C-alpha atoms as a PDB file:
ATOM      1  CA  MET A   1       9.757  15.599   2.698  1.00  0.00           C
ATOM      2  CA  PRO A   2       7.660  13.052   0.760  1.00  0.00           C
ATOM      3  CA  ILE A   3       8.384   9.380   1.293  1.00  0.00           C
ATOM      4  CA  VAL A   4       7.122   7.053  -1.433  1.00  0.00           C
ATOM      5  CA  THR A   5       6.913   3.347  -0.596  1.00  0.00           C
ATOM      6  CA  ILE A   6       6.658   0.766  -3.352  1.00  0.00           C
ATOM      7  CA  GLN A   7       5.687  -2.748  -2.307  1.00  0.00           C
ATOM      8  CA  ALA A   8       6.156  -5.288  -5.079  1.00  0.00           C
ATOM      9  CA  ARG A   9       7.967  -8.372  -6.280  1.00  0.00           C
ATOM     10  CA  ALA A  10      11.737  -8.282  -6.516  1.00  0.00           C
ATOM     11  CA  LEU A  11      13.398  -6.445  -9.409  1.00  0.00           C
ATOM     12  CA  PRO A  12      16.968  -6.380 -10.715  1.00  0.00           C
ATOM     13  CA  VAL A  13      18.965  -3.417  -9.448  1.00  0.00           C
ATOM     14  CA  GLU A  14      19.037  -1.792 -12.908  1.00  0.00           C
ATOM     15  CA  LYS A  15      15.230  -1.664 -12.979  1.00  0.00           C
ATOM     16  CA  LYS A  16      15.164  -0.330  -9.414  1.00  0.00           C
ATOM     17  CA  ARG A  17      17.458   2.536 -10.434  1.00  0.00           C
ATOM     18  CA  ASP A  18      15.122   3.418 -13.302  1.00  0.00           C
ATOM     19  CA  LEU A  19      12.006   3.131 -11.125  1.00  0.00           C
ATOM     20  CA  VAL A  20      13.438   5.341  -8.372  1.00  0.00           C
ATOM     21  CA  ALA A  21      14.515   7.980 -10.911  1.00  0.00           C
ATOM     22  CA  LYS A  22      11.108   8.065 -12.598  1.00  0.00           C
ATOM     23  CA  VAL A  23       9.149   8.182  -9.341  1.00  0.00           C
ATOM     24  CA  THR A  24      11.421  10.951  -8.084  1.00  0.00           C
ATOM     25  CA  ASP A  25      10.833  12.915 -11.305  1.00  0.00           C
ATOM     26  CA  VAL A  26       7.049  12.756 -10.873  1.00  0.00           C
ATOM     27  CA  VAL A  27       7.117  13.710  -7.197  1.00  0.00           C
ATOM     28  CA  GLU A  28       9.592  16.530  -7.863  1.00  0.00           C
ATOM     29  CA  GLU A  29       7.349  17.984 -10.580  1.00  0.00           C
ATOM     30  CA  THR A  30       4.082  17.489  -8.685  1.00  0.00           C
ATOM     31  CA  TYR A  31       5.202  18.869  -5.319  1.00  0.00           C
ATOM     32  CA  GLU A  32       7.685  21.361  -6.763  1.00  0.00           C
ATOM     33  CA  LEU A  33      10.372  20.162  -4.381  1.00  0.00           C
ATOM     34  CA  PRO A  34      14.089  19.582  -4.820  1.00  0.00           C
ATOM     35  CA  ARG A  35      15.091  15.984  -5.542  1.00  0.00           C
ATOM     36  CA  GLU A  36      17.056  15.897  -2.307  1.00  0.00           C
ATOM     37  CA  ALA A  37      13.796  16.170  -0.351  1.00  0.00           C
ATOM     38  CA  ILE A  38      12.287  12.991  -1.866  1.00  0.00           C
ATOM     39  CA  THR A  39      12.795   9.488  -0.508  1.00  0.00           C
ATOM     40  CA  VAL A  40      11.725   6.318  -2.327  1.00  0.00           C
ATOM     41  CA  LEU A  41      11.594   3.031  -0.424  1.00  0.00           C
ATOM     42  CA  ILE A  42      11.263  -0.315  -2.188  1.00  0.00           C
ATOM     43  CA  GLN A  43       9.935  -3.240  -0.166  1.00  0.00           C
ATOM     44  CA  GLU A  44      10.392  -6.464  -2.083  1.00  0.00           C
ATOM     45  CA  TYR A  45       8.431  -9.639  -1.657  1.00  0.00           C
ATOM     46  CA  PRO A  46       9.246 -13.023  -3.185  1.00  0.00           C
ATOM     47  CA  ALA A  47       6.691 -14.368  -5.674  1.00  0.00           C
ATOM     48  CA  GLU A  48       5.650 -17.081  -3.205  1.00  0.00           C
ATOM     49  CA  ASN A  49       4.527 -14.340  -0.778  1.00  0.00           C
ATOM     50  CA  ILE A  50       2.215 -12.535  -3.236  1.00  0.00           C
ATOM     51  CA  GLY A  51      -1.249 -13.735  -4.156  1.00  0.00           C
ATOM     52  CA  VAL A  52      -3.269 -12.319  -7.063  1.00  0.00           C
ATOM     53  CA  ALA A  53      -6.716 -13.541  -8.125  1.00  0.00           C
ATOM     54  CA  GLY A  54      -6.548 -16.398  -5.622  1.00  0.00           C
ATOM     55  CA  GLN A  55      -3.166 -17.726  -6.791  1.00  0.00           C
ATOM     56  CA  LEU A  56       0.406 -17.243  -5.721  1.00  0.00           C
ATOM     57  CA  ILE A  57       2.423 -15.468  -8.381  1.00  0.00           C
ATOM     58  CA  SER A  58       5.005 -18.252  -8.100  1.00  0.00           C
ATOM     59  CA  ASP A  59       2.325 -20.772  -9.201  1.00  0.00           C
ATOM     60  CA  ARG A  60       1.328 -18.904 -12.342  1.00  0.00           C
END
C-alpha cells in the first residue's frame, strides 16, 4: 500500500481534492494497484514557516 506525503503551503480544499485525485491516478497507473490501496497525506505549513532562497514565503 503506497503512502504519498505532500509537504507544502496550505491550499483550498478544492485544490486539495484535485491534487489527491491526480496523485492517486499517477500512483495507480505506475504501480498497477487499485485506488483503494493508495493513501495521500497532505501536511500543510503556513507561509511564515517556509523559507525559500533565504526568505520566508510570507515576506515575498
